Amino acid sequence: MRFAAIETSTQWCSVALWSDGEIASIERRAGNRHSELVLPMLERLLAEKKISFQDLDSVAFGAGPGSFTGLRIACALAQGLALPRALPVLGVSTLEALAEESGARRVAACIDARMREVYYAALERQGAGWREVVPAQCVAPQDAPRPPGEGWVGCGSGFEVYGDLGFARTLAQVHPTAAAVAALAAPRFAAGEGVDAALAAPVYLRDKVALTKQEQEAR
């Protein structure tokens, strides 16, 4: 099985290739240049591995939550690669990818959502994937529910912006990557979970992209 993975939900832009159990990836800090960088990065990765787009069996992408623009870029590219050959597409939670990247087994995944909110979930390793202990939500950082039990590691940019939020250990620099998306997507593709490219869609968790002037003054 060979498939490409795309992750552009944060300031980082990354692509990965899963080829018969091996993962190769490229990433770089992109700022707001994801649309300019992501396809050339994927082309470079495939060229290095001597694999063409026609050799791919499917495409995975970081579905969100995260940057609205970044999520649309990843989804659109996945659809563009998959539609001509009717390849299955799979969206992977960026919070799960963040947990996967951390290397911990119990993760409070927290991504800065701007507007004084975070995208947050508490996830526990279960087999090759993750189980939600606290469901994914968009919430004010001080209102993020603390998961039960011990051994939780706080990961993600939310901790960089808003502090430790009461967690004894935090890894604020960890971010979702295409390699993590690929690792999570592989068993799901093997189980037949991919969908028609036309059905692929980002998961935003929040509809608003900015505060009104009145809301800004109230905060």
N, C-alpha and C. Protein backbone atom coordinates (compact mmCIF):
# COMPACT_ATOMS: atom_id res chain seq x y z
N MET A 1 0.85 -1.19 0.00
CA MET A 1 0.00 0.00 0.00
C MET A 1 0.88 1.24 0.00
N ARG A 2 0.54 2.19 -0.86
CA ARG A 2 1.25 3.45 -0.92
C ARG A 2 0.24 4.59 -0.88
N PHE A 3 0.46 5.54 -0.01
CA PHE A 3 -0.42 6.71 0.01
C PHE A 3 0.35 7.94 0.48
N ALA A 4 -0.15 9.09 0.07
CA ALA A 4 0.41 10.38 0.49
C ALA A 4 -0.40 10.91 1.66
N ALA A 5 0.27 11.69 2.52
CA ALA A 5 -0.39 12.36 3.64
C ALA A 5 0.00 13.82 3.64
N ILE A 6 -0.95 14.68 3.97
CA ILE A 6 -0.77 16.14 3.91
C ILE A 6 -1.23 16.73 5.22
N GLU A 7 -0.43 17.62 5.82
CA GLU A 7 -0.82 18.26 7.08
C GLU A 7 -0.44 19.73 7.02
N THR A 8 -1.46 20.62 6.99
CA THR A 8 -1.22 22.07 6.89
C THR A 8 -2.11 22.85 7.86
N SER A 9 -2.42 22.26 9.00
CA SER A 9 -3.39 22.87 9.92
C SER A 9 -2.78 23.92 10.85
N THR A 10 -1.45 23.98 10.92
CA THR A 10 -0.78 24.93 11.81
C THR A 10 0.22 25.74 10.99
N GLN A 11 1.15 26.41 11.65
CA GLN A 11 2.18 27.17 10.94
C GLN A 11 3.14 26.26 10.19
N TRP A 12 3.11 24.98 10.52
CA TRP A 12 3.98 24.03 9.84
C TRP A 12 3.28 23.42 8.65
N CYS A 13 4.05 23.17 7.61
CA CYS A 13 3.56 22.50 6.40
C CYS A 13 4.34 21.20 6.26
N SER A 14 3.64 20.07 6.16
CA SER A 14 4.36 18.81 6.05
C SER A 14 3.63 17.85 5.12
N VAL A 15 4.41 17.00 4.49
CA VAL A 15 3.89 15.96 3.61
C VAL A 15 4.60 14.66 3.95
N ALA A 16 3.95 13.54 3.69
CA ALA A 16 4.54 12.25 4.00
C ALA A 16 4.12 11.23 2.95
N LEU A 17 4.91 10.20 2.86
CA LEU A 17 4.61 9.08 1.97
C LEU A 17 4.69 7.79 2.76
N TRP A 18 3.59 7.04 2.78
CA TRP A 18 3.59 5.70 3.36
C TRP A 18 3.79 4.71 2.22
N SER A 19 4.81 3.88 2.32
CA SER A 19 5.09 2.90 1.28
C SER A 19 5.40 1.56 1.93
N ASP A 20 4.41 0.68 1.92
CA ASP A 20 4.58 -0.68 2.45
C ASP A 20 5.17 -0.68 3.86
N GLY A 21 4.61 0.17 4.72
CA GLY A 21 5.01 0.19 6.13
C GLY A 21 6.10 1.17 6.48
N GLU A 22 6.72 1.81 5.51
CA GLU A 22 7.76 2.79 5.78
C GLU A 22 7.22 4.20 5.51
N ILE A 23 7.60 5.15 6.38
CA ILE A 23 7.15 6.53 6.24
C ILE A 23 8.34 7.43 5.95
N ALA A 24 8.22 8.23 4.89
CA ALA A 24 9.18 9.29 4.59
C ALA A 24 8.42 10.61 4.62
N SER A 25 9.05 11.67 5.11
CA SER A 25 8.32 12.93 5.25
C SER A 25 9.25 14.13 5.09
N ILE A 26 8.63 15.26 4.78
CA ILE A 26 9.30 16.56 4.71
C ILE A 26 8.41 17.56 5.42
N GLU A 27 9.00 18.45 6.20
CA GLU A 27 8.22 19.53 6.80
C GLU A 27 9.04 20.80 6.91
N ARG A 28 8.35 21.92 6.97
CA ARG A 28 9.00 23.20 7.18
C ARG A 28 7.99 24.19 7.74
N ARG A 29 8.49 25.18 8.47
CA ARG A 29 7.61 26.23 8.97
C ARG A 29 7.21 27.10 7.79
N ALA A 30 5.90 27.24 7.59
CA ALA A 30 5.40 27.88 6.37
C ALA A 30 4.80 29.25 6.59
N GLY A 31 4.47 29.61 7.84
CA GLY A 31 3.75 30.86 8.03
C GLY A 31 2.41 30.79 7.33
N ASN A 32 2.20 31.65 6.34
CA ASN A 32 0.97 31.61 5.55
C ASN A 32 1.24 31.21 4.09
N ARG A 33 2.32 30.43 3.86
CA ARG A 33 2.72 30.06 2.51
C ARG A 33 2.38 28.60 2.18
N HIS A 34 1.46 28.00 2.90
CA HIS A 34 1.16 26.59 2.69
C HIS A 34 0.77 26.28 1.25
N SER A 35 -0.11 27.11 0.67
CA SER A 35 -0.59 26.84 -0.68
C SER A 35 0.54 26.90 -1.70
N GLU A 36 1.55 27.70 -1.41
CA GLU A 36 2.70 27.84 -2.31
C GLU A 36 3.67 26.67 -2.16
N LEU A 37 3.78 26.13 -0.94
CA LEU A 37 4.84 25.16 -0.63
C LEU A 37 4.43 23.71 -0.72
N VAL A 38 3.16 23.40 -0.40
CA VAL A 38 2.81 22.01 -0.12
C VAL A 38 2.95 21.09 -1.33
N LEU A 39 2.47 21.50 -2.50
CA LEU A 39 2.56 20.61 -3.66
C LEU A 39 4.01 20.40 -4.10
N PRO A 40 4.84 21.46 -4.22
CA PRO A 40 6.25 21.21 -4.54
C PRO A 40 6.96 20.30 -3.53
N MET A 41 6.61 20.43 -2.24
CA MET A 41 7.20 19.55 -1.24
C MET A 41 6.81 18.10 -1.49
N LEU A 42 5.54 17.87 -1.83
CA LEU A 42 5.09 16.51 -2.09
C LEU A 42 5.75 15.96 -3.37
N GLU A 43 5.85 16.79 -4.39
CA GLU A 43 6.51 16.37 -5.63
C GLU A 43 7.96 15.99 -5.37
N ARG A 44 8.62 16.79 -4.54
CA ARG A 44 10.03 16.51 -4.20
C ARG A 44 10.15 15.18 -3.45
N LEU A 45 9.26 14.95 -2.50
CA LEU A 45 9.32 13.72 -1.72
C LEU A 45 9.10 12.49 -2.61
N LEU A 46 8.10 12.57 -3.48
CA LEU A 46 7.83 11.44 -4.37
C LEU A 46 9.01 11.20 -5.32
N ALA A 47 9.60 12.29 -5.82
CA ALA A 47 10.74 12.15 -6.72
C ALA A 47 11.92 11.49 -6.02
N GLU A 48 12.15 11.86 -4.76
CA GLU A 48 13.25 11.26 -4.00
C GLU A 48 13.05 9.76 -3.83
N LYS A 49 11.79 9.35 -3.71
CA LYS A 49 11.50 7.93 -3.51
C LYS A 49 11.20 7.21 -4.83
N LYS A 50 11.34 7.96 -5.93
CA LYS A 50 11.10 7.39 -7.28
C LYS A 50 9.70 6.79 -7.40
N ILE A 51 8.73 7.56 -6.89
CA ILE A 51 7.33 7.16 -6.93
C ILE A 51 6.56 8.29 -7.61
N SER A 52 5.62 7.95 -8.47
CA SER A 52 4.81 8.96 -9.15
C SER A 52 3.44 9.04 -8.49
N PHE A 53 2.70 10.09 -8.83
CA PHE A 53 1.34 10.22 -8.31
C PHE A 53 0.49 9.03 -8.75
N GLN A 54 0.77 8.48 -9.91
CA GLN A 54 -0.01 7.36 -10.43
C GLN A 54 0.21 6.08 -9.63
N ASP A 55 1.28 6.06 -8.81
CA ASP A 55 1.55 4.87 -8.00
C ASP A 55 0.79 4.88 -6.68
N LEU A 56 0.14 5.98 -6.35
CA LEU A 56 -0.54 6.09 -5.06
C LEU A 56 -1.86 5.32 -5.06
N ASP A 57 -2.16 4.71 -3.92
CA ASP A 57 -3.41 3.97 -3.75
C ASP A 57 -4.48 4.79 -3.04
N SER A 58 -4.07 5.85 -2.33
CA SER A 58 -5.02 6.65 -1.56
C SER A 58 -4.31 7.91 -1.07
N VAL A 59 -5.07 8.80 -0.43
CA VAL A 59 -4.53 10.06 0.09
C VAL A 59 -5.15 10.36 1.45
N ALA A 60 -4.32 10.74 2.41
CA ALA A 60 -4.80 11.13 3.74
C ALA A 60 -4.45 12.59 3.98
N PHE A 61 -5.23 13.25 4.83
CA PHE A 61 -4.94 14.65 5.14
C PHE A 61 -5.35 14.97 6.57
N GLY A 62 -4.69 15.96 7.15
CA GLY A 62 -5.06 16.46 8.47
C GLY A 62 -6.35 17.25 8.36
N ALA A 63 -7.44 16.69 8.91
CA ALA A 63 -8.77 17.24 8.68
C ALA A 63 -9.16 18.34 9.64
N GLY A 64 -8.42 18.53 10.70
CA GLY A 64 -8.77 19.56 11.66
C GLY A 64 -9.06 18.98 13.03
N PRO A 65 -9.28 19.89 13.95
CA PRO A 65 -9.37 21.34 13.81
C PRO A 65 -8.01 22.00 13.62
N GLY A 66 -8.06 23.27 13.23
CA GLY A 66 -6.85 24.04 13.01
C GLY A 66 -7.17 25.27 12.19
N SER A 67 -6.16 25.82 11.56
CA SER A 67 -6.34 26.99 10.70
C SER A 67 -7.37 26.71 9.61
N PHE A 68 -8.37 27.57 9.49
CA PHE A 68 -9.41 27.36 8.49
C PHE A 68 -8.80 27.25 7.09
N THR A 69 -7.91 28.18 6.75
CA THR A 69 -7.29 28.17 5.43
C THR A 69 -6.43 26.93 5.25
N GLY A 70 -5.64 26.59 6.26
CA GLY A 70 -4.79 25.42 6.17
C GLY A 70 -5.56 24.14 5.96
N LEU A 71 -6.68 24.00 6.65
CA LEU A 71 -7.50 22.79 6.50
C LEU A 71 -8.07 22.70 5.09
N ARG A 72 -8.50 23.82 4.55
CA ARG A 72 -9.05 23.80 3.19
C ARG A 72 -7.98 23.46 2.16
N ILE A 73 -6.76 23.95 2.39
CA ILE A 73 -5.66 23.63 1.47
C ILE A 73 -5.39 22.13 1.46
N ALA A 74 -5.28 21.53 2.63
CA ALA A 74 -4.99 20.09 2.72
C ALA A 74 -6.10 19.27 2.10
N CYS A 75 -7.34 19.62 2.40
CA CYS A 75 -8.48 18.88 1.86
C CYS A 75 -8.56 19.01 0.34
N ALA A 76 -8.37 20.24 -0.15
CA ALA A 76 -8.46 20.47 -1.59
C ALA A 76 -7.36 19.73 -2.34
N LEU A 77 -6.15 19.72 -1.79
CA LEU A 77 -5.07 19.01 -2.46
C LEU A 77 -5.33 17.50 -2.45
N ALA A 78 -5.81 16.98 -1.32
CA ALA A 78 -6.14 15.56 -1.26
C ALA A 78 -7.19 15.20 -2.30
N GLN A 79 -8.20 16.05 -2.42
CA GLN A 79 -9.25 15.79 -3.41
C GLN A 79 -8.69 15.89 -4.83
N GLY A 80 -7.84 16.88 -5.09
CA GLY A 80 -7.27 17.05 -6.41
C GLY A 80 -6.41 15.88 -6.84
N LEU A 81 -5.69 15.28 -5.88
CA LEU A 81 -4.88 14.12 -6.19
C LEU A 81 -5.73 12.87 -6.38
N ALA A 82 -6.81 12.77 -5.64
CA ALA A 82 -7.60 11.53 -5.62
C ALA A 82 -8.65 11.46 -6.71
N LEU A 83 -9.27 12.57 -7.05
CA LEU A 83 -10.41 12.53 -7.97
C LEU A 83 -10.09 11.94 -9.34
N PRO A 84 -8.98 12.32 -10.00
CA PRO A 84 -8.74 11.78 -11.35
C PRO A 84 -8.66 10.26 -11.42
N ARG A 85 -8.24 9.61 -10.31
CA ARG A 85 -8.09 8.16 -10.33
C ARG A 85 -9.05 7.47 -9.36
N ALA A 86 -10.02 8.24 -8.85
CA ALA A 86 -11.03 7.69 -7.93
C ALA A 86 -10.39 7.00 -6.74
N LEU A 87 -9.36 7.63 -6.16
CA LEU A 87 -8.69 7.07 -4.99
C LEU A 87 -9.48 7.40 -3.72
N PRO A 88 -9.47 6.53 -2.73
CA PRO A 88 -10.10 6.85 -1.46
C PRO A 88 -9.32 7.93 -0.71
N VAL A 89 -10.04 8.75 0.03
CA VAL A 89 -9.45 9.83 0.82
C VAL A 89 -9.84 9.64 2.28
N LEU A 90 -8.93 9.98 3.18
CA LEU A 90 -9.21 9.83 4.61
C LEU A 90 -8.75 11.07 5.36
N GLY A 91 -9.65 11.68 6.11
CA GLY A 91 -9.30 12.79 6.99
C GLY A 91 -8.95 12.26 8.37
N VAL A 92 -7.85 12.74 8.92
CA VAL A 92 -7.37 12.34 10.23
C VAL A 92 -7.40 13.54 11.17
N SER A 93 -7.91 13.36 12.36
CA SER A 93 -7.97 14.44 13.34
C SER A 93 -6.58 15.01 13.61
N THR A 94 -6.45 16.33 13.56
CA THR A 94 -5.18 16.95 13.88
C THR A 94 -4.84 16.82 15.36
N LEU A 95 -5.85 16.72 16.21
CA LEU A 95 -5.59 16.50 17.63
C LEU A 95 -5.03 15.10 17.87
N GLU A 96 -5.53 14.12 17.12
CA GLU A 96 -4.96 12.77 17.21
C GLU A 96 -3.55 12.74 16.64
N ALA A 97 -3.32 13.46 15.55
CA ALA A 97 -1.98 13.52 14.98
C ALA A 97 -1.01 14.19 15.95
N LEU A 98 -1.48 15.19 16.66
CA LEU A 98 -0.67 15.85 17.68
C LEU A 98 -0.30 14.87 18.79
N ALA A 99 -1.29 14.09 19.24
CA ALA A 99 -1.02 13.08 20.26
C ALA A 99 -0.04 12.04 19.76
N GLU A 100 -0.23 11.59 18.53
CA GLU A 100 0.67 10.60 17.93
C GLU A 100 2.10 11.12 17.87
N GLU A 101 2.27 12.37 17.52
CA GLU A 101 3.59 12.97 17.39
C GLU A 101 4.29 13.11 18.74
N SER A 102 3.51 13.24 19.81
CA SER A 102 4.09 13.50 21.14
C SER A 102 4.88 12.34 21.70
N GLY A 103 4.51 11.10 21.35
CA GLY A 103 5.16 9.94 21.93
C GLY A 103 4.64 9.54 23.29
N ALA A 104 3.72 10.31 23.85
CA ALA A 104 3.13 9.99 25.15
C ALA A 104 1.92 9.08 24.97
N ARG A 105 1.45 8.51 26.07
CA ARG A 105 0.30 7.60 26.00
C ARG A 105 -1.00 8.27 26.45
N ARG A 106 -0.89 9.30 27.25
CA ARG A 106 -2.07 10.07 27.68
C ARG A 106 -1.79 11.53 27.37
N VAL A 107 -2.55 12.10 26.46
CA VAL A 107 -2.22 13.42 25.92
C VAL A 107 -3.41 14.36 26.02
N ALA A 108 -3.18 15.53 26.60
CA ALA A 108 -4.13 16.64 26.50
C ALA A 108 -3.67 17.47 25.31
N ALA A 109 -4.33 17.29 24.17
CA ALA A 109 -3.94 17.97 22.94
C ALA A 109 -4.61 19.33 22.88
N CYS A 110 -3.82 20.37 22.67
CA CYS A 110 -4.35 21.73 22.79
C CYS A 110 -3.68 22.63 21.75
N ILE A 111 -4.47 23.07 20.76
CA ILE A 111 -3.98 23.92 19.68
C ILE A 111 -4.58 25.31 19.82
N ASP A 112 -3.75 26.33 19.74
CA ASP A 112 -4.25 27.71 19.80
C ASP A 112 -5.23 27.96 18.66
N ALA A 113 -6.45 28.37 19.02
CA ALA A 113 -7.49 28.63 18.02
C ALA A 113 -7.68 30.13 17.78
N ARG A 114 -6.79 30.95 18.37
CA ARG A 114 -6.96 32.41 18.31
C ARG A 114 -8.23 32.81 19.05
N MET A 115 -8.55 34.07 19.00
CA MET A 115 -9.78 34.59 19.63
C MET A 115 -9.91 34.12 21.08
N ARG A 116 -8.76 33.91 21.76
CA ARG A 116 -8.72 33.49 23.16
C ARG A 116 -9.44 32.17 23.39
N GLU A 117 -9.30 31.27 22.45
CA GLU A 117 -9.86 29.93 22.56
C GLU A 117 -8.82 28.91 22.09
N VAL A 118 -9.06 27.65 22.45
CA VAL A 118 -8.19 26.57 22.01
C VAL A 118 -9.03 25.42 21.47
N TYR A 119 -8.43 24.64 20.57
CA TYR A 119 -9.00 23.37 20.18
C TYR A 119 -8.39 22.33 21.11
N TYR A 120 -9.24 21.55 21.74
CA TYR A 120 -8.76 20.75 22.87
C TYR A 120 -9.43 19.38 22.89
N ALA A 121 -8.66 18.36 23.24
CA ALA A 121 -9.20 17.03 23.50
C ALA A 121 -8.20 16.29 24.38
N ALA A 122 -8.69 15.37 25.19
CA ALA A 122 -7.82 14.48 25.96
C ALA A 122 -7.91 13.10 25.32
N LEU A 123 -6.75 12.55 24.97
CA LEU A 123 -6.70 11.31 24.19
C LEU A 123 -5.78 10.30 24.87
N GLU A 124 -6.20 9.06 24.86
CA GLU A 124 -5.43 7.98 25.46
C GLU A 124 -5.12 6.93 24.40
N ARG A 125 -3.87 6.48 24.37
CA ARG A 125 -3.46 5.48 23.38
C ARG A 125 -4.30 4.21 23.51
N GLN A 126 -4.81 3.74 22.38
CA GLN A 126 -5.56 2.49 22.35
C GLN A 126 -5.18 1.74 21.08
N GLY A 127 -4.37 0.71 21.23
CA GLY A 127 -3.89 -0.03 20.08
C GLY A 127 -3.07 0.85 19.16
N ALA A 128 -3.43 0.85 17.86
CA ALA A 128 -2.72 1.67 16.89
C ALA A 128 -3.29 3.08 16.78
N GLY A 129 -4.33 3.38 17.57
CA GLY A 129 -4.96 4.69 17.48
C GLY A 129 -5.16 5.32 18.84
N TRP A 130 -6.18 6.16 18.95
CA TRP A 130 -6.41 6.94 20.16
C TRP A 130 -7.89 6.91 20.54
N ARG A 131 -8.15 6.92 21.83
CA ARG A 131 -9.51 6.98 22.36
C ARG A 131 -9.72 8.33 23.01
N GLU A 132 -10.82 8.99 22.68
CA GLU A 132 -11.14 10.28 23.28
C GLU A 132 -11.66 10.09 24.70
N VAL A 133 -10.95 10.66 25.67
CA VAL A 133 -11.41 10.68 27.05
C VAL A 133 -12.22 11.95 27.29
N VAL A 134 -11.74 13.05 26.73
CA VAL A 134 -12.49 14.31 26.69
C VAL A 134 -12.68 14.65 25.21
N PRO A 135 -13.93 14.74 24.73
CA PRO A 135 -14.18 14.95 23.29
C PRO A 135 -13.57 16.25 22.77
N ALA A 136 -13.25 16.27 21.48
CA ALA A 136 -12.70 17.46 20.84
C ALA A 136 -13.69 18.61 20.93
N GLN A 137 -13.19 19.79 21.27
CA GLN A 137 -14.04 20.96 21.46
C GLN A 137 -13.23 22.23 21.28
N CYS A 138 -13.93 23.32 21.00
CA CYS A 138 -13.34 24.65 20.97
C CYS A 138 -13.80 25.36 22.24
N VAL A 139 -12.85 25.79 23.07
CA VAL A 139 -13.20 26.24 24.41
C VAL A 139 -12.20 27.29 24.87
N ALA A 140 -12.61 28.15 25.79
CA ALA A 140 -11.67 29.07 26.42
C ALA A 140 -10.64 28.25 27.19
N PRO A 141 -9.36 28.61 27.14
CA PRO A 141 -8.33 27.75 27.75
C PRO A 141 -8.59 27.43 29.21
N GLN A 142 -9.09 28.41 29.97
CA GLN A 142 -9.33 28.17 31.39
C GLN A 142 -10.50 27.22 31.63
N ASP A 143 -11.31 27.00 30.61
CA ASP A 143 -12.46 26.11 30.75
C ASP A 143 -12.22 24.71 30.17
N ALA A 144 -11.01 24.44 29.69
CA ALA A 144 -10.72 23.13 29.13
C ALA A 144 -10.83 22.06 30.21
N PRO A 145 -11.67 21.04 30.03
CA PRO A 145 -11.88 20.04 31.08
C PRO A 145 -10.63 19.22 31.35
N ARG A 146 -10.29 19.07 32.61
CA ARG A 146 -9.14 18.25 32.99
C ARG A 146 -9.55 16.78 32.93
N PRO A 147 -8.80 15.93 32.22
CA PRO A 147 -9.16 14.52 32.15
C PRO A 147 -8.91 13.82 33.49
N PRO A 148 -9.67 12.75 33.77
CA PRO A 148 -9.48 12.03 35.04
C PRO A 148 -8.19 11.22 35.05
N GLY A 149 -7.66 10.99 36.22
CA GLY A 149 -6.48 10.15 36.35
C GLY A 149 -5.18 10.93 36.27
N GLU A 150 -4.08 10.20 36.30
CA GLU A 150 -2.75 10.80 36.31
C GLU A 150 -2.01 10.49 35.00
N GLY A 151 -0.84 11.10 34.87
CA GLY A 151 0.04 10.80 33.76
C GLY A 151 -0.28 11.52 32.47
N TRP A 152 -1.05 12.58 32.53
CA TRP A 152 -1.41 13.32 31.32
C TRP A 152 -0.32 14.31 30.95
N VAL A 153 0.00 14.36 29.67
CA VAL A 153 1.00 15.30 29.14
C VAL A 153 0.29 16.30 28.25
N GLY A 154 0.47 17.58 28.53
CA GLY A 154 -0.12 18.62 27.70
C GLY A 154 0.75 18.90 26.48
N CYS A 155 0.16 18.83 25.29
CA CYS A 155 0.94 19.00 24.06
C CYS A 155 0.25 19.99 23.13
N GLY A 156 1.05 20.82 22.49
CA GLY A 156 0.52 21.69 21.46
C GLY A 156 0.67 23.16 21.76
N SER A 157 0.37 23.97 20.74
CA SER A 157 0.61 25.41 20.80
C SER A 157 -0.26 26.13 21.82
N GLY A 158 -1.38 25.52 22.22
CA GLY A 158 -2.21 26.15 23.25
C GLY A 158 -1.45 26.36 24.53
N PHE A 159 -0.55 25.45 24.86
CA PHE A 159 0.24 25.58 26.09
C PHE A 159 1.34 26.61 25.93
N GLU A 160 1.81 26.82 24.71
CA GLU A 160 2.79 27.86 24.46
C GLU A 160 2.18 29.23 24.65
N VAL A 161 0.92 29.38 24.27
CA VAL A 161 0.26 30.69 24.35
C VAL A 161 -0.32 30.95 25.73
N TYR A 162 -0.92 29.93 26.36
CA TYR A 162 -1.69 30.15 27.59
C TYR A 162 -1.08 29.51 28.83
N GLY A 163 0.13 28.99 28.74
CA GLY A 163 0.77 28.42 29.92
C GLY A 163 0.41 26.96 30.12
N ASP A 164 0.74 26.43 31.30
CA ASP A 164 0.59 24.98 31.51
C ASP A 164 -0.84 24.54 31.79
N LEU A 165 -1.76 25.49 32.06
CA LEU A 165 -3.18 25.19 32.29
C LEU A 165 -3.37 24.10 33.37
N GLY A 166 -2.43 24.04 34.30
CA GLY A 166 -2.55 23.10 35.41
C GLY A 166 -1.93 21.74 35.17
N PHE A 167 -1.31 21.52 34.01
CA PHE A 167 -0.67 20.24 33.74
C PHE A 167 0.79 20.27 34.21
N ALA A 168 1.21 19.19 34.87
CA ALA A 168 2.56 19.14 35.43
C ALA A 168 3.62 19.09 34.34
N ARG A 169 3.30 18.49 33.21
CA ARG A 169 4.27 18.37 32.12
C ARG A 169 3.62 18.80 30.82
N THR A 170 4.29 19.67 30.09
CA THR A 170 3.77 20.12 28.80
C THR A 170 4.86 20.08 27.75
N LEU A 171 4.45 19.81 26.51
CA LEU A 171 5.33 19.82 25.34
C LEU A 171 4.73 20.78 24.33
N ALA A 172 4.97 22.07 24.57
CA ALA A 172 4.28 23.10 23.80
C ALA A 172 4.72 23.14 22.35
N GLN A 173 5.92 22.67 22.03
CA GLN A 173 6.44 22.78 20.67
C GLN A 173 5.98 21.64 19.76
N VAL A 174 5.36 20.61 20.33
CA VAL A 174 4.88 19.50 19.50
C VAL A 174 3.72 19.99 18.62
N HIS A 175 3.72 19.56 17.36
CA HIS A 175 2.67 19.98 16.43
C HIS A 175 2.25 18.79 15.56
N PRO A 176 1.07 18.83 14.98
CA PRO A 176 0.65 17.73 14.09
C PRO A 176 1.57 17.66 12.87
N THR A 177 1.87 16.45 12.42
CA THR A 177 2.72 16.27 11.25
C THR A 177 2.06 15.31 10.27
N ALA A 178 2.49 15.39 9.02
CA ALA A 178 1.99 14.46 8.01
C ALA A 178 2.44 13.04 8.32
N ALA A 179 3.62 12.87 8.92
CA ALA A 179 4.08 11.53 9.29
C ALA A 179 3.13 10.90 10.30
N ALA A 180 2.67 11.70 11.27
CA ALA A 180 1.71 11.20 12.25
C ALA A 180 0.38 10.89 11.59
N VAL A 181 -0.06 11.74 10.66
CA VAL A 181 -1.29 11.48 9.91
C VAL A 181 -1.17 10.16 9.16
N ALA A 182 -0.02 9.92 8.54
CA ALA A 182 0.19 8.68 7.79
C ALA A 182 0.13 7.46 8.71
N ALA A 183 0.78 7.56 9.87
CA ALA A 183 0.79 6.44 10.80
C ALA A 183 -0.61 6.09 11.28
N LEU A 184 -1.43 7.10 11.48
CA LEU A 184 -2.81 6.87 11.93
C LEU A 184 -3.71 6.41 10.80
N ALA A 185 -3.43 6.88 9.60
CA ALA A 185 -4.28 6.54 8.46
C ALA A 185 -4.06 5.11 7.97
N ALA A 186 -2.84 4.59 8.10
CA ALA A 186 -2.52 3.29 7.51
C ALA A 186 -3.45 2.16 7.97
N PRO A 187 -3.66 1.95 9.28
CA PRO A 187 -4.57 0.88 9.67
C PRO A 187 -6.02 1.15 9.28
N ARG A 188 -6.38 2.41 9.19
CA ARG A 188 -7.75 2.75 8.80
C ARG A 188 -7.97 2.50 7.31
N PHE A 189 -6.99 2.83 6.49
CA PHE A 189 -7.08 2.49 5.07
C PHE A 189 -7.17 0.97 4.90
N ALA A 190 -6.35 0.25 5.65
CA ALA A 190 -6.35 -1.21 5.56
C ALA A 190 -7.70 -1.80 5.93
N ALA A 191 -8.43 -1.08 6.80
CA ALA A 191 -9.76 -1.54 7.21
C ALA A 191 -10.85 -1.04 6.28
N GLY A 192 -10.47 -0.32 5.22
CA GLY A 192 -11.44 0.14 4.24
C GLY A 192 -12.18 1.40 4.60
N GLU A 193 -11.57 2.26 5.43
CA GLU A 193 -12.27 3.46 5.91
C GLU A 193 -12.21 4.65 4.95
N GLY A 194 -11.45 4.61 3.89
CA GLY A 194 -11.39 5.75 2.98
C GLY A 194 -12.73 6.03 2.33
N VAL A 195 -12.95 7.30 1.98
CA VAL A 195 -14.21 7.71 1.35
C VAL A 195 -13.94 8.29 -0.03
N ASP A 196 -15.00 8.44 -0.81
CA ASP A 196 -14.90 9.12 -2.10
C ASP A 196 -14.36 10.54 -1.89
N ALA A 197 -13.47 10.97 -2.76
CA ALA A 197 -12.83 12.28 -2.60
C ALA A 197 -13.85 13.40 -2.49
N ALA A 198 -14.96 13.30 -3.18
CA ALA A 198 -15.98 14.36 -3.15
C ALA A 198 -16.61 14.51 -1.77
N LEU A 199 -16.50 13.49 -0.93
CA LEU A 199 -17.10 13.51 0.40
C LEU A 199 -16.14 13.99 1.48
N ALA A 200 -14.88 14.17 1.13
CA ALA A 200 -13.89 14.61 2.11
C ALA A 200 -14.18 16.05 2.53
N ALA A 201 -14.03 16.34 3.82
CA ALA A 201 -14.32 17.69 4.32
C ALA A 201 -13.53 17.95 5.59
N PRO A 202 -13.13 19.21 5.80
CA PRO A 202 -12.44 19.57 7.04
C PRO A 202 -13.39 19.51 8.24
N VAL A 203 -12.79 19.44 9.43
CA VAL A 203 -13.53 19.50 10.69
C VAL A 203 -13.10 20.78 11.39
N TYR A 204 -13.99 21.77 11.41
CA TYR A 204 -13.60 23.08 11.92
C TYR A 204 -13.79 23.23 13.43
N LEU A 205 -14.83 22.66 13.99
CA LEU A 205 -15.24 22.81 15.39
C LEU A 205 -15.77 24.21 15.72
N ARG A 206 -15.46 25.19 14.90
CA ARG A 206 -15.92 26.55 15.15
C ARG A 206 -16.21 27.21 13.82
N ASP A 207 -17.30 27.96 13.74
CA ASP A 207 -17.70 28.59 12.49
C ASP A 207 -17.11 29.99 12.32
N LYS A 208 -16.85 30.67 13.43
CA LYS A 208 -16.38 32.05 13.33
C LYS A 208 -14.88 32.10 13.11
N VAL A 209 -14.44 33.08 12.31
CA VAL A 209 -13.01 33.25 12.06
C VAL A 209 -12.46 34.53 12.69
N ALA A 210 -13.33 35.40 13.21
CA ALA A 210 -12.87 36.64 13.82
C ALA A 210 -13.94 37.17 14.77
N LEU A 211 -13.49 37.96 15.75
CA LEU A 211 -14.41 38.62 16.67
C LEU A 211 -14.89 39.95 16.09
N THR A 212 -16.13 40.31 16.40
CA THR A 212 -16.60 41.64 16.06
C THR A 212 -15.90 42.66 16.95
N LYS A 213 -15.99 43.94 16.59
CA LYS A 213 -15.37 44.98 17.41
C LYS A 213 -15.96 44.98 18.80
N GLN A 214 -17.27 44.79 18.91
CA GLN A 214 -17.93 44.76 20.22
C GLN A 214 -17.45 43.58 21.06
N GLU A 215 -17.26 42.42 20.42
CA GLU A 215 -16.76 41.24 21.15
C GLU A 215 -15.32 41.45 21.61
N GLN A 216 -14.52 42.08 20.76
CA GLN A 216 -13.14 42.36 21.14
C GLN A 216 -13.09 43.29 22.36
N GLU A 217 -13.96 44.33 22.37
CA GLU A 217 -13.98 45.26 23.48
C GLU A 217 -14.48 44.58 24.75
N ALA A 218 -15.44 43.66 24.60
CA ALA A 218 -15.97 42.96 25.77
C ALA A 218 -14.92 42.06 26.41
N ARG A 219 -14.03 41.50 25.58
CA ARG A 219 -12.99 40.62 26.09
C ARG A 219 -11.78 41.36 26.61
